[in-house]
């Protein structure tokens, strides 16, 4: 992990740490995992791939979109999967976006657990599914493939967990 990534994780903790912790506690996720997802998705709003959704460069990363306009906010909630949330103004609120991301992750964990993914793989599987969907992760698992084999860069959960480890190690 390079110094720029460590500094970005520190800014995520400074700007969004309480909301990340609250959402993690509510849904039973380590806050570091949620921070790791935010880091991978938007670098805490600092990603150059984000666009201001309202066309006004206001310096507020919480109302930015990515993925050709389909990913919304800090956790990149997809409007194709969660249209009601993305059509509301709630996605622009950092705490609500983080909470919704934790809820999405929890739903993926529950689905994959019921589908037979073993407990020792469930965290990685749910994180991978956050990126490519539960069906793709389940197909990879059943085919004996790496859980990240269908994610962007084929390293999504591994990368998120690297960020989570670094975030968790910060004081």
Protein backbone atom coordinates (compact mmCIF):
# COMPACT_ATOMS: atom_id res chain seq x y z
CA UNK A 1 0.00 0.00 0.00
CA UNK A 2 1.44 3.34 -0.99
CA UNK A 3 1.53 6.52 1.07
CA UNK A 4 -1.12 8.23 -1.06
CA UNK A 5 -3.57 5.39 -0.31
CA UNK A 6 -2.79 5.58 3.41
CA UNK A 7 -3.43 9.33 3.41
CA UNK A 8 -6.70 8.84 1.53
CA UNK A 9 -7.81 6.24 4.08
CA UNK A 10 -6.96 8.70 6.85
CA UNK A 11 -9.17 11.32 5.17
CA UNK A 12 -11.97 8.74 4.88
CA UNK A 13 -11.67 8.08 8.63
CA UNK A 14 -11.61 11.82 9.39
CA UNK A 15 -14.54 12.73 7.13
CA UNK A 16 -16.78 9.66 7.40
CA UNK A 17 -15.49 7.54 10.30
CA UNK A 18 -18.49 7.96 12.63
CA UNK A 19 -21.00 7.15 9.85
CA UNK A 20 -18.92 4.13 8.78
CA UNK A 21 -18.76 2.87 12.36
CA UNK A 22 -22.49 3.34 12.92
CA UNK A 23 -23.44 1.54 9.70
CA UNK A 24 -20.98 -1.27 10.43
CA UNK A 25 -22.37 -1.78 13.91
CA UNK A 26 -25.96 -1.73 12.65
CA UNK A 27 -25.38 -4.37 9.96
CA UNK A 28 -22.70 -6.44 11.65
CA UNK A 29 -19.82 -5.43 9.39
CA UNK A 30 -16.38 -4.36 10.47
CA UNK A 31 -16.21 -0.62 9.82
CA UNK A 32 -12.86 -1.20 8.14
CA UNK A 33 -14.58 -3.30 5.45
CA UNK A 34 -17.03 -0.51 4.69
CA UNK A 35 -14.15 1.96 4.55
CA UNK A 36 -12.32 -0.42 2.23
CA UNK A 37 -15.31 -0.55 -0.12
CA UNK A 38 -15.58 3.24 -0.10
CA UNK A 39 -11.87 3.47 -0.85
CA UNK A 40 -12.15 1.07 -3.78
CA UNK A 41 -15.34 2.63 -5.14
CA UNK A 42 -14.62 6.36 -4.84
CA UNK A 43 -11.49 6.93 -2.75
CA UNK A 44 -13.78 8.73 -0.33
CA UNK A 45 -15.04 10.97 -3.11
CA UNK A 46 -11.56 11.79 -4.43
CA UNK A 47 -11.65 9.54 -7.51
CA UNK A 48 -11.02 11.37 -10.78
CA UNK A 49 -13.63 9.07 -12.37
CA UNK A 50 -16.50 10.72 -10.48
CA UNK A 51 -18.72 13.34 -12.10
CA UNK A 52 -20.86 15.92 -10.37
CA UNK A 53 -24.43 14.68 -10.84
CA UNK A 54 -25.99 18.12 -11.03
CA UNK A 55 -23.32 19.57 -13.30
CA UNK A 56 -22.20 22.03 -10.65
CA UNK A 57 -18.65 21.56 -9.43
CA UNK A 58 -19.45 22.26 -5.80
CA UNK A 59 -16.66 20.31 -4.13
CA UNK A 60 -19.19 17.96 -2.54
CA UNK A 61 -18.17 14.40 -3.46
CA UNK A 62 -21.30 12.96 -1.83
CA UNK A 63 -23.44 14.04 -4.81
CA UNK A 64 -21.10 12.66 -7.47
CA UNK A 65 -21.78 9.71 -9.75
CA UNK A 66 -19.58 7.15 -11.46
CA UNK A 67 -19.98 4.11 -13.71
CA UNK A 68 -21.44 6.18 -16.56
CA UNK A 69 -23.89 7.79 -14.14
CA UNK A 70 -25.15 4.52 -12.65
CA UNK A 71 -23.12 4.56 -9.40
CA UNK A 72 -24.35 7.06 -6.82
CA UNK A 73 -22.39 8.65 -4.01
CA UNK A 74 -19.50 7.55 -1.85
CA UNK A 75 -20.49 3.86 -1.90
CA UNK A 76 -21.54 3.91 -5.59
CA UNK A 77 -25.08 2.61 -5.11
CA UNK A 78 -26.24 1.40 -8.54
CA UNK A 79 -29.45 2.89 -9.91
CA UNK A 80 -30.14 -0.25 -11.95
CA UNK A 81 -30.36 -2.34 -8.78
CA UNK A 82 -31.68 0.27 -6.33
CA UNK A 83 -33.69 2.79 -8.37
CA UNK A 84 -35.85 4.09 -5.51
CA UNK A 85 -32.85 5.01 -3.37
CA UNK A 86 -31.03 6.59 -6.29
CA UNK A 87 -34.09 8.58 -7.39
CA UNK A 88 -34.40 10.03 -3.90
CA UNK A 89 -32.13 12.75 -2.62
CA UNK A 90 -30.97 10.45 0.20
CA UNK A 91 -28.08 9.05 -1.81
CA UNK A 92 -26.41 12.47 -1.63
CA UNK A 93 -26.27 12.35 2.17
CA UNK A 94 -22.95 10.68 3.11
CA UNK A 95 -24.32 8.91 6.20
CA UNK A 96 -27.37 7.59 4.35
CA UNK A 97 -25.22 6.49 1.40
CA UNK A 98 -22.84 4.64 3.71
CA UNK A 99 -25.75 3.06 5.60
CA UNK A 100 -27.35 1.94 2.34
CA UNK A 101 -24.06 0.47 1.16
CA UNK A 102 -23.83 -1.52 4.41
CA UNK A 103 -27.42 -2.71 3.90
CA UNK A 104 -26.62 -3.81 0.34
CA UNK A 105 -23.54 -5.68 1.57
CA UNK A 106 -25.60 -7.35 4.30
CA UNK A 107 -28.18 -8.52 1.76
CA UNK A 108 -25.46 -10.07 -0.35
CA UNK A 109 -23.99 -11.83 2.68
CA UNK A 110 -27.40 -13.27 3.64
CA UNK A 111 -28.13 -14.43 0.07
CA UNK A 112 -24.76 -16.13 -0.34
CA UNK A 113 -24.95 -17.74 3.08
CA UNK A 114 -28.38 -19.22 2.29
CA UNK A 115 -26.99 -20.40 -1.07
CA UNK A 116 -24.34 -22.46 0.71
CA UNK A 117 -21.20 -20.35 0.63
CA UNK A 118 -19.29 -21.47 3.75
CA UNK A 119 -18.78 -19.11 6.68
CA UNK A 120 -15.02 -18.90 6.13
CA UNK A 121 -15.60 -17.44 2.63
CA UNK A 122 -18.70 -15.38 3.26
CA UNK A 123 -16.99 -12.05 3.97
CA UNK A 124 -14.93 -12.18 0.77
CA UNK A 125 -17.88 -13.50 -1.21
CA UNK A 126 -20.20 -10.70 -0.08
CA UNK A 127 -17.55 -8.06 -0.81
CA UNK A 128 -16.99 -9.50 -4.30
CA UNK A 129 -20.77 -9.55 -4.82
CA UNK A 130 -20.92 -5.86 -3.94
CA UNK A 131 -19.03 -5.35 -7.19
CA UNK A 132 -20.32 -8.01 -9.56
CA UNK A 133 -23.52 -9.37 -8.00
CA UNK A 134 -24.42 -12.41 -5.96
CA UNK A 135 -25.16 -14.56 -9.00
CA UNK A 136 -21.70 -14.08 -10.47
CA UNK A 137 -19.99 -14.81 -7.17
CA UNK A 138 -22.12 -17.91 -6.64
CA UNK A 139 -21.25 -19.13 -10.15
CA UNK A 140 -17.56 -18.57 -9.45
CA UNK A 141 -17.79 -20.40 -6.11
CA UNK A 142 -19.65 -23.37 -7.60
CA UNK A 143 -17.17 -23.56 -10.51
CA UNK A 144 -14.23 -23.64 -8.07
CA UNK A 145 -12.99 -20.28 -9.34
CA UNK A 146 -11.54 -17.49 -7.24
CA UNK A 147 -14.35 -15.42 -5.76
CA UNK A 148 -12.92 -12.34 -7.49
CA UNK A 149 -12.77 -13.99 -10.92
CA UNK A 150 -15.80 -12.03 -12.13
CA UNK A 151 -15.12 -8.72 -10.37
CA UNK A 152 -13.61 -5.58 -11.90
CA UNK A 153 -9.89 -6.15 -12.11
CA UNK A 154 -10.43 -9.69 -10.77
CA UNK A 155 -9.24 -8.43 -7.39
CA UNK A 156 -12.12 -6.51 -5.83
CA UNK A 157 -12.49 -8.31 -2.49
CA UNK A 158 -8.75 -8.78 -2.07
CA UNK A 159 -8.18 -5.07 -2.72
CA UNK A 160 -11.01 -4.02 -0.39
CA UNK A 161 -9.60 -6.24 2.37
CA UNK A 162 -6.13 -4.74 1.88
CA UNK A 163 -7.64 -1.29 2.30
CA UNK A 164 -9.63 -2.54 5.32
CA UNK A 165 -6.48 -3.85 6.96
CA UNK A 166 -4.74 -0.51 6.48
CA UNK A 167 -7.80 1.43 7.71
CA UNK A 168 -8.13 -0.82 10.75
CA UNK A 169 -4.47 -0.30 11.59
CA UNK A 170 -4.76 3.49 11.70
CA UNK A 171 -5.02 5.14 15.06
